Amino acid sequence: MVKKTDEMTIWQHLSDLRKRLFYALIGLVIGVVISGIFANTILDILANPVGGLENLLSLQVTENFSVFFRVTLLGGFILAFPFILFQVYLFVSPGLKKKERRWVLTAVPFATLLFVAGALFAFLVMLPPAIGFLVQFSGPEVLPRWKDYVDFITSLVFWIGISFETPLLMFILAKIGIIDAKGLIKQWRIAMIIIAVVAAVATPTPDPLNMAILMAPLLVLYLLGILLAALARGKKRKE
């Protein structure tokens, strides 16, 4: 085992990186195995917005397997997410001061909560009206293909979950001096445009209602990010 000191050689850094990547991979594998055990239940839950598995079609021989693999992989990643973040922390911690280690370690559970909140928001709030709008839209009866449906849902849930990490990212950028709360407040018009573009791209339907449903939490997250940025800069001045 490499002893972590204040000064580490490049080979020690590479050795530590390899170890952290290996542990993160092991955590992901364990998460995928646990997710696979409950895969059938997860698939039933994913099919709820469209009315159940009976309203979906599987057209290819390998389609059910590919859907099973995608769902278990995403579920495993969500389960292993805190452990993976902790491995990132262990890798960067030798180069951090004691106070910096404390707030980075605090950010790990906070990042997990934000991601889970975003995923739940996408699945419970955004998807039901979006699926209803798309399925009942004018035209022939829609029977979604199983693979396309799951790809659509998992992509939306994943990226909305990632977008909910915005306040934490803003806090980190403020902590290292790249941004500050005053600048973020002054640029609120640009932020609104960016939020609108992100909502328009991420929203699965073209109607303004679903776009507004996504814009509202993104705006709240931006305001939360400004507050965290102010706290980060205030703590840095005291230090």
C-alpha atoms as a PDB file:
ATOM      1  CA  MET A   1       0.000   0.000   0.000  1.00  0.00           C
ATOM      2  CA  VAL A   2       1.287   3.451  -0.912  1.00  0.00           C
ATOM      3  CA  LYS A   3       1.742   5.710   2.091  1.00  0.00           C
ATOM      4  CA  LYS A   4       0.099   9.072   1.498  1.00  0.00           C
ATOM      5  CA  THR A   5       2.336  11.980   2.426  1.00  0.00           C
ATOM      6  CA  ASP A   6       2.339  15.668   1.610  1.00  0.00           C
ATOM      7  CA  GLU A   7       4.548  14.962  -1.420  1.00  0.00           C
ATOM      8  CA  MET A   8       3.796  12.044  -3.722  1.00  0.00           C
ATOM      9  CA  THR A   9       5.651  11.031  -6.844  1.00  0.00           C
ATOM     10  CA  ILE A  10       3.879  10.686 -10.176  1.00  0.00           C
ATOM     11  CA  TRP A  11       4.094   6.899  -9.887  1.00  0.00           C
ATOM     12  CA  GLN A  12       2.487   6.993  -6.454  1.00  0.00           C
ATOM     13  CA  HIS A  13      -0.335   9.144  -7.860  1.00  0.00           C
ATOM     14  CA  LEU A  14      -0.847   6.702 -10.743  1.00  0.00           C
ATOM     15  CA  SER A  15      -0.791   3.746  -8.355  1.00  0.00           C
ATOM     16  CA  ASP A  16      -3.353   5.440  -6.113  1.00  0.00           C
ATOM     17  CA  LEU A  17      -5.515   6.335  -9.140  1.00  0.00           C
ATOM     18  CA  ARG A  18      -5.446   2.729 -10.314  1.00  0.00           C
ATOM     19  CA  LYS A  19      -6.457   1.534  -6.847  1.00  0.00           C
ATOM     20  CA  ARG A  20      -9.346   4.007  -6.617  1.00  0.00           C
ATOM     21  CA  LEU A  21     -10.592   3.100 -10.100  1.00  0.00           C
ATOM     22  CA  PHE A  22     -10.437  -0.584  -9.168  1.00  0.00           C
ATOM     23  CA  TYR A  23     -12.429  -0.008  -5.963  1.00  0.00           C
ATOM     24  CA  ALA A  24     -14.957   2.128  -7.841  1.00  0.00           C
ATOM     25  CA  LEU A  25     -15.371  -0.657 -10.410  1.00  0.00           C
ATOM     26  CA  ILE A  26     -15.875  -3.223  -7.649  1.00  0.00           C
ATOM     27  CA  GLY A  27     -18.514  -0.972  -6.086  1.00  0.00           C
ATOM     28  CA  LEU A  28     -20.255  -0.629  -9.459  1.00  0.00           C
ATOM     29  CA  VAL A  29     -20.247  -4.410  -9.967  1.00  0.00           C
ATOM     30  CA  ILE A  30     -21.757  -4.959  -6.522  1.00  0.00           C
ATOM     31  CA  GLY A  31     -24.392  -2.303  -7.264  1.00  0.00           C
ATOM     32  CA  VAL A  32     -25.235  -3.971 -10.600  1.00  0.00           C
ATOM     33  CA  VAL A  33     -25.602  -7.368  -8.903  1.00  0.00           C
ATOM     34  CA  ILE A  34     -27.964  -5.928  -6.290  1.00  0.00           C
ATOM     35  CA  SER A  35     -29.887  -4.089  -9.000  1.00  0.00           C
ATOM     36  CA  GLY A  36     -30.115  -7.307 -11.031  1.00  0.00           C
ATOM     37  CA  ILE A  37     -31.735  -9.126  -8.116  1.00  0.00           C
ATOM     38  CA  PHE A  38     -34.573  -6.593  -8.119  1.00  0.00           C
ATOM     39  CA  ALA A  39     -34.578  -6.032 -11.891  1.00  0.00           C
ATOM     40  CA  ASN A  40     -38.084  -7.406 -12.494  1.00  0.00           C
ATOM     41  CA  THR A  41     -39.540  -5.098  -9.864  1.00  0.00           C
ATOM     42  CA  ILE A  42     -37.630  -2.147 -11.344  1.00  0.00           C
ATOM     43  CA  LEU A  43     -38.901  -2.955 -14.845  1.00  0.00           C
ATOM     44  CA  ASP A  44     -42.491  -3.094 -13.576  1.00  0.00           C
ATOM     45  CA  ILE A  45     -42.025   0.319 -11.934  1.00  0.00           C
ATOM     46  CA  LEU A  46     -40.549   1.795 -15.131  1.00  0.00           C
ATOM     47  CA  ALA A  47     -43.556   0.553 -17.096  1.00  0.00           C
ATOM     48  CA  ASN A  48     -46.066   2.255 -14.764  1.00  0.00           C
ATOM     49  CA  PRO A  49     -46.151   5.623 -16.620  1.00  0.00           C
ATOM     50  CA  VAL A  50     -47.353   3.884 -19.790  1.00  0.00           C
ATOM     51  CA  GLY A  51     -49.845   1.649 -17.988  1.00  0.00           C
ATOM     52  CA  GLY A  52     -47.794  -1.518 -17.474  1.00  0.00           C
ATOM     53  CA  LEU A  53     -45.761  -4.024 -19.484  1.00  0.00           C
ATOM     54  CA  GLU A  54     -48.848  -5.099 -21.461  1.00  0.00           C
ATOM     55  CA  ASN A  55     -48.797  -1.739 -23.259  1.00  0.00           C
ATOM     56  CA  LEU A  56     -45.250  -2.239 -24.562  1.00  0.00           C
ATOM     57  CA  LEU A  57     -43.885  -4.233 -27.496  1.00  0.00           C
ATOM     58  CA  SER A  58     -40.666  -6.250 -27.734  1.00  0.00           C
ATOM     59  CA  LEU A  59     -39.786  -6.853 -31.390  1.00  0.00           C
ATOM     60  CA  GLN A  60     -36.300  -8.395 -31.312  1.00  0.00           C
ATOM     61  CA  VAL A  61     -34.996 -11.583 -29.756  1.00  0.00           C
ATOM     62  CA  THR A  62     -32.280  -9.728 -27.817  1.00  0.00           C
ATOM     63  CA  GLU A  63     -34.442  -6.756 -26.861  1.00  0.00           C
ATOM     64  CA  ASN A  64     -35.495  -7.976 -23.413  1.00  0.00           C
ATOM     65  CA  PHE A  65     -31.876  -8.795 -22.555  1.00  0.00           C
ATOM     66  CA  SER A  66     -30.564  -5.396 -23.680  1.00  0.00           C
ATOM     67  CA  VAL A  67     -33.260  -3.622 -21.653  1.00  0.00           C
ATOM     68  CA  PHE A  68     -32.475  -5.774 -18.615  1.00  0.00           C
ATOM     69  CA  PHE A  69     -28.760  -4.940 -18.943  1.00  0.00           C
ATOM     70  CA  ARG A  70     -29.363  -1.188 -19.338  1.00  0.00           C
ATOM     71  CA  VAL A  71     -31.697  -0.998 -16.352  1.00  0.00           C
ATOM     72  CA  THR A  72     -29.442  -3.042 -14.063  1.00  0.00           C
ATOM     73  CA  LEU A  73     -26.412  -0.977 -15.108  1.00  0.00           C
ATOM     74  CA  LEU A  74     -28.168   2.321 -14.365  1.00  0.00           C
ATOM     75  CA  GLY A  75     -29.558   0.957 -11.104  1.00  0.00           C
ATOM     76  CA  GLY A  76     -26.105  -0.302 -10.129  1.00  0.00           C
ATOM     77  CA  PHE A  77     -24.566   3.092 -10.896  1.00  0.00           C
ATOM     78  CA  ILE A  78     -27.133   4.883  -8.711  1.00  0.00           C
ATOM     79  CA  LEU A  79     -26.503   2.457  -5.842  1.00  0.00           C
ATOM     80  CA  ALA A  80     -22.717   2.763  -6.193  1.00  0.00           C
ATOM     81  CA  PHE A  81     -22.748   6.546  -6.749  1.00  0.00           C
ATOM     82  CA  PRO A  82     -21.897   7.515  -3.115  1.00  0.00           C
ATOM     83  CA  PHE A  83     -19.092   4.941  -2.978  1.00  0.00           C
ATOM     84  CA  ILE A  84     -17.663   6.144  -6.315  1.00  0.00           C
ATOM     85  CA  LEU A  85     -17.706   9.750  -5.090  1.00  0.00           C
ATOM     86  CA  PHE A  86     -15.960   8.644  -1.893  1.00  0.00           C
ATOM     87  CA  GLN A  87     -13.197   7.037  -3.966  1.00  0.00           C
ATOM     88  CA  VAL A  88     -12.774  10.319  -5.845  1.00  0.00           C
ATOM     89  CA  TYR A  89     -12.464  12.066  -2.493  1.00  0.00           C
ATOM     90  CA  LEU A  90      -9.822   9.599  -1.283  1.00  0.00           C
ATOM     91  CA  PHE A  91      -7.809  10.230  -4.461  1.00  0.00           C
ATOM     92  CA  VAL A  92      -7.822  14.041  -4.210  1.00  0.00           C
ATOM     93  CA  SER A  93      -7.653  14.280  -0.393  1.00  0.00           C
ATOM     94  CA  PRO A  94      -3.809  14.131  -0.132  1.00  0.00           C
ATOM     95  CA  GLY A  95      -3.613  17.451  -1.985  1.00  0.00           C
ATOM     96  CA  LEU A  96      -6.234  19.165   0.168  1.00  0.00           C
ATOM     97  CA  LYS A  97      -5.939  21.010   3.440  1.00  0.00           C
ATOM     98  CA  LYS A  98      -7.762  19.745   6.514  1.00  0.00           C
ATOM     99  CA  LYS A  99     -10.653  22.211   6.147  1.00  0.00           C
ATOM    100  CA  GLU A 100     -10.907  21.493   2.420  1.00  0.00           C
ATOM    101  CA  ARG A 101     -11.108  17.766   3.128  1.00  0.00           C
ATOM    102  CA  ARG A 102     -13.966  18.415   5.524  1.00  0.00           C
ATOM    103  CA  TRP A 103     -16.165  20.293   3.047  1.00  0.00           C
ATOM    104  CA  VAL A 104     -15.360  17.923   0.168  1.00  0.00           C
ATOM    105  CA  LEU A 105     -16.315  14.953   2.354  1.00  0.00           C
ATOM    106  CA  THR A 106     -19.537  16.744   3.286  1.00  0.00           C
ATOM    107  CA  ALA A 107     -20.268  17.245  -0.420  1.00  0.00           C
ATOM    108  CA  VAL A 108     -20.377  13.477  -1.101  1.00  0.00           C
ATOM    109  CA  PRO A 109     -23.741  12.747   0.605  1.00  0.00           C
ATOM    110  CA  PHE A 110     -25.050  16.120  -0.601  1.00  0.00           C
ATOM    111  CA  ALA A 111     -24.231  15.196  -4.215  1.00  0.00           C
ATOM    112  CA  THR A 112     -25.964  11.833  -3.756  1.00  0.00           C
ATOM    113  CA  LEU A 113     -29.115  13.460  -2.379  1.00  0.00           C
ATOM    114  CA  LEU A 114     -29.208  15.948  -5.266  1.00  0.00           C
ATOM    115  CA  PHE A 115     -28.850  13.209  -7.871  1.00  0.00           C
ATOM    116  CA  VAL A 116     -31.552  11.039  -6.278  1.00  0.00           C
ATOM    117  CA  ALA A 117     -33.846  14.076  -5.954  1.00  0.00           C
ATOM    118  CA  GLY A 118     -33.380  14.845  -9.646  1.00  0.00           C
ATOM    119  CA  ALA A 119     -34.031  11.242 -10.675  1.00  0.00           C
ATOM    120  CA  LEU A 120     -37.203  11.065  -8.557  1.00  0.00           C
ATOM    121  CA  PHE A 121     -38.394  14.410  -9.905  1.00  0.00           C
ATOM    122  CA  ALA A 122     -37.913  13.228 -13.493  1.00  0.00           C
ATOM    123  CA  PHE A 123     -39.703   9.930 -12.916  1.00  0.00           C
ATOM    124  CA  LEU A 124     -42.525  11.011 -10.607  1.00  0.00           C
ATOM    125  CA  VAL A 125     -43.264  14.562 -11.795  1.00  0.00           C
ATOM    126  CA  MET A 126     -42.100  14.933 -15.403  1.00  0.00           C
ATOM    127  CA  LEU A 127     -42.718  11.517 -16.931  1.00  0.00           C
ATOM    128  CA  PRO A 128     -46.430  10.874 -16.168  1.00  0.00           C
ATOM    129  CA  PRO A 129     -47.750  13.976 -17.994  1.00  0.00           C
ATOM    130  CA  ALA A 130     -45.103  13.634 -20.725  1.00  0.00           C
ATOM    131  CA  ILE A 131     -45.929   9.990 -21.474  1.00  0.00           C
ATOM    132  CA  GLY A 132     -49.648  10.749 -21.400  1.00  0.00           C
ATOM    133  CA  PHE A 133     -49.175  13.599 -23.862  1.00  0.00           C
ATOM    134  CA  LEU A 134     -47.065  11.550 -26.284  1.00  0.00           C
ATOM    135  CA  VAL A 135     -49.198   8.383 -26.178  1.00  0.00           C
ATOM    136  CA  GLN A 136     -52.531  10.192 -26.591  1.00  0.00           C
ATOM    137  CA  PHE A 137     -51.316  12.612 -29.243  1.00  0.00           C
ATOM    138  CA  SER A 138     -53.431  12.835 -32.403  1.00  0.00           C
ATOM    139  CA  GLY A 139     -52.830   9.914 -34.781  1.00  0.00           C
ATOM    140  CA  PRO A 140     -52.799   6.090 -34.775  1.00  0.00           C
ATOM    141  CA  GLU A 141     -52.765   4.218 -31.464  1.00  0.00           C
ATOM    142  CA  VAL A 142     -49.294   4.247 -29.923  1.00  0.00           C
ATOM    143  CA  LEU A 143     -47.770   0.995 -28.652  1.00  0.00           C
ATOM    144  CA  PRO A 144     -44.257   1.965 -27.531  1.00  0.00           C
ATOM    145  CA  ARG A 145     -41.360  -0.350 -28.273  1.00  0.00           C
ATOM    146  CA  TRP A 146     -39.880  -1.731 -25.038  1.00  0.00           C
ATOM    147  CA  LYS A 147     -36.259  -0.815 -25.781  1.00  0.00           C
ATOM    148  CA  ASP A 148     -37.019   2.692 -27.077  1.00  0.00           C
ATOM    149  CA  TYR A 149     -39.280   3.364 -24.105  1.00  0.00           C
ATOM    150  CA  VAL A 150     -36.675   2.307 -21.513  1.00  0.00           C
ATOM    151  CA  ASP A 151     -33.871   4.167 -23.322  1.00  0.00           C
ATOM    152  CA  PHE A 152     -36.027   7.284 -23.296  1.00  0.00           C
ATOM    153  CA  ILE A 153     -36.899   7.009 -19.582  1.00  0.00           C
ATOM    154  CA  THR A 154     -33.443   6.073 -18.294  1.00  0.00           C
ATOM    155  CA  SER A 155     -31.732   8.820 -20.326  1.00  0.00           C
ATOM    156  CA  LEU A 156     -34.168  11.426 -19.043  1.00  0.00           C
ATOM    157  CA  VAL A 157     -33.866  10.268 -15.415  1.00  0.00           C
ATOM    158  CA  PHE A 158     -30.061  10.143 -15.589  1.00  0.00           C
ATOM    159  CA  TRP A 159     -29.522  13.584 -17.136  1.00  0.00           C
ATOM    160  CA  ILE A 160     -32.091  15.312 -14.947  1.00  0.00           C
ATOM    161  CA  GLY A 161     -30.345  13.720 -11.967  1.00  0.00           C
ATOM    162  CA  ILE A 162     -27.017  15.107 -13.212  1.00  0.00           C
ATOM    163  CA  SER A 163     -28.525  18.576 -13.759  1.00  0.00           C
ATOM    164  CA  PHE A 164     -29.582  18.657 -10.103  1.00  0.00           C
ATOM    165  CA  GLU A 165     -25.867  18.676  -9.186  1.00  0.00           C
ATOM    166  CA  THR A 166     -25.691  22.328 -10.339  1.00  0.00           C
ATOM    167  CA  PRO A 167     -25.740  23.914  -6.833  1.00  0.00           C
ATOM    168  CA  LEU A 168     -22.889  21.695  -5.678  1.00  0.00           C
ATOM    169  CA  LEU A 169     -20.860  22.550  -8.804  1.00  0.00           C
ATOM    170  CA  MET A 170     -21.465  26.250  -8.201  1.00  0.00           C
ATOM    171  CA  PHE A 171     -20.328  25.871  -4.590  1.00  0.00           C
ATOM    172  CA  ILE A 172     -17.087  24.160  -5.660  1.00  0.00           C
ATOM    173  CA  LEU A 173     -16.362  26.773  -8.354  1.00  0.00           C
ATOM    174  CA  ALA A 174     -16.964  29.548  -5.822  1.00  0.00           C
ATOM    175  CA  LYS A 175     -14.772  27.802  -3.283  1.00  0.00           C
ATOM    176  CA  ILE A 176     -11.800  27.763  -5.652  1.00  0.00           C
ATOM    177  CA  GLY A 177     -12.444  31.374  -6.718  1.00  0.00           C
ATOM    178  CA  ILE A 178     -13.730  30.943 -10.285  1.00  0.00           C
ATOM    179  CA  ILE A 179     -17.195  32.433  -9.650  1.00  0.00           C
ATOM    180  CA  ASP A 180     -18.893  34.469  -6.908  1.00  0.00           C
ATOM    181  CA  ALA A 181     -22.456  35.152  -5.801  1.00  0.00           C
ATOM    182  CA  LYS A 182     -22.482  38.782  -6.987  1.00  0.00           C
ATOM    183  CA  GLY A 183     -21.436  37.788 -10.498  1.00  0.00           C
ATOM    184  CA  LEU A 184     -24.095  35.061 -10.601  1.00  0.00           C
ATOM    185  CA  ILE A 185     -26.783  37.542  -9.555  1.00  0.00           C
ATOM    186  CA  LYS A 186     -25.693  40.036 -12.218  1.00  0.00           C
ATOM    187  CA  GLN A 187     -25.827  37.334 -14.891  1.00  0.00           C
ATOM    188  CA  TRP A 188     -29.352  36.197 -14.018  1.00  0.00           C
ATOM    189  CA  ARG A 189     -30.655  36.980 -17.520  1.00  0.00           C
ATOM    190  CA  ILE A 190     -28.057  34.702 -19.133  1.00  0.00           C
ATOM    191  CA  ALA A 191     -28.844  32.054 -16.512  1.00  0.00           C
ATOM    192  CA  MET A 192     -32.550  32.203 -17.391  1.00  0.00           C
ATOM    193  CA  ILE A 193     -31.746  31.722 -21.079  1.00  0.00           C
ATOM    194  CA  ILE A 194     -29.500  28.742 -20.300  1.00  0.00           C
ATOM    195  CA  ILE A 195     -32.163  27.230 -18.027  1.00  0.00           C
ATOM    196  CA  ALA A 196     -34.796  27.673 -20.745  1.00  0.00           C
ATOM    197  CA  VAL A 197     -32.549  26.023 -23.351  1.00  0.00           C
ATOM    198  CA  VAL A 198     -31.740  23.110 -21.025  1.00  0.00           C
ATOM    199  CA  ALA A 199     -35.434  22.661 -20.217  1.00  0.00           C
ATOM    200  CA  ALA A 200     -36.371  22.775 -23.906  1.00  0.00           C
ATOM    201  CA  VAL A 201     -33.757  20.142 -24.797  1.00  0.00           C
ATOM    202  CA  ALA A 202     -34.398  17.861 -21.816  1.00  0.00           C
ATOM    203  CA  THR A 203     -38.206  18.074 -21.878  1.00  0.00           C
ATOM    204  CA  PRO A 204     -39.557  15.044 -23.748  1.00  0.00           C
ATOM    205  CA  THR A 205     -42.581  16.938 -25.119  1.00  0.00           C
ATOM    206  CA  PRO A 206     -42.853  20.255 -26.998  1.00  0.00           C
ATOM    207  CA  ASP A 207     -45.682  21.670 -24.871  1.00  0.00           C
ATOM    208  CA  PRO A 208     -44.790  24.650 -22.627  1.00  0.00           C
ATOM    209  CA  LEU A 209     -46.359  23.071 -19.523  1.00  0.00           C
ATOM    210  CA  ASN A 210     -43.742  20.320 -19.250  1.00  0.00           C
ATOM    211  CA  MET A 211     -41.012  22.825 -20.050  1.00  0.00           C
ATOM    212  CA  ALA A 212     -42.223  25.017 -17.171  1.00  0.00           C
ATOM    213  CA  ILE A 213     -42.325  21.983 -14.867  1.00  0.00           C
ATOM    214  CA  LEU A 214     -38.595  21.490 -15.448  1.00  0.00           C
ATOM    215  CA  MET A 215     -37.664  25.181 -15.465  1.00  0.00           C
ATOM    216  CA  ALA A 216     -39.103  25.752 -11.986  1.00  0.00           C
ATOM    217  CA  PRO A 217     -36.756  23.385 -10.083  1.00  0.00           C
ATOM    218  CA  LEU A 218     -33.779  24.420 -12.240  1.00  0.00           C
ATOM    219  CA  LEU A 219     -34.409  28.039 -11.265  1.00  0.00           C
ATOM    220  CA  VAL A 220     -34.662  27.045  -7.588  1.00  0.00           C
ATOM    221  CA  LEU A 221     -31.398  25.112  -7.937  1.00  0.00           C
ATOM    222  CA  TYR A 222     -29.728  28.168  -9.464  1.00  0.00           C
ATOM    223  CA  LEU A 223     -30.858  30.326  -6.541  1.00  0.00           C
ATOM    224  CA  LEU A 224     -29.634  27.638  -4.130  1.00  0.00           C
ATOM    225  CA  GLY A 225     -26.311  27.645  -5.984  1.00  0.00           C
ATOM    226  CA  ILE A 226     -26.023  31.432  -5.502  1.00  0.00           C
ATOM    227  CA  LEU A 227     -26.608  30.977  -1.767  1.00  0.00           C
ATOM    228  CA  LEU A 228     -23.992  28.216  -1.563  1.00  0.00           C
ATOM    229  CA  ALA A 229     -21.547  30.326  -3.592  1.00  0.00           C
ATOM    230  CA  ALA A 230     -21.986  33.188  -1.123  1.00  0.00           C
ATOM    231  CA  LEU A 231     -21.366  30.811   1.780  1.00  0.00           C
ATOM    232  CA  ALA A 232     -18.295  29.369   0.063  1.00  0.00           C
ATOM    233  CA  ARG A 233     -16.717  32.773  -0.568  1.00  0.00           C
ATOM    234  CA  GLY A 234     -17.574  33.938   2.948  1.00  0.00           C
ATOM    235  CA  LYS A 235     -15.829  30.936   4.493  1.00  0.00           C
ATOM    236  CA  LYS A 236     -12.837  31.433   2.214  1.00  0.00           C
ATOM    237  CA  ARG A 237     -12.417  35.068   3.328  1.00  0.00           C
ATOM    238  CA  LYS A 238     -12.488  33.987   6.987  1.00  0.00           C
ATOM    239  CA  GLU A 239      -9.835  31.346   6.294  1.00  0.00           C
END
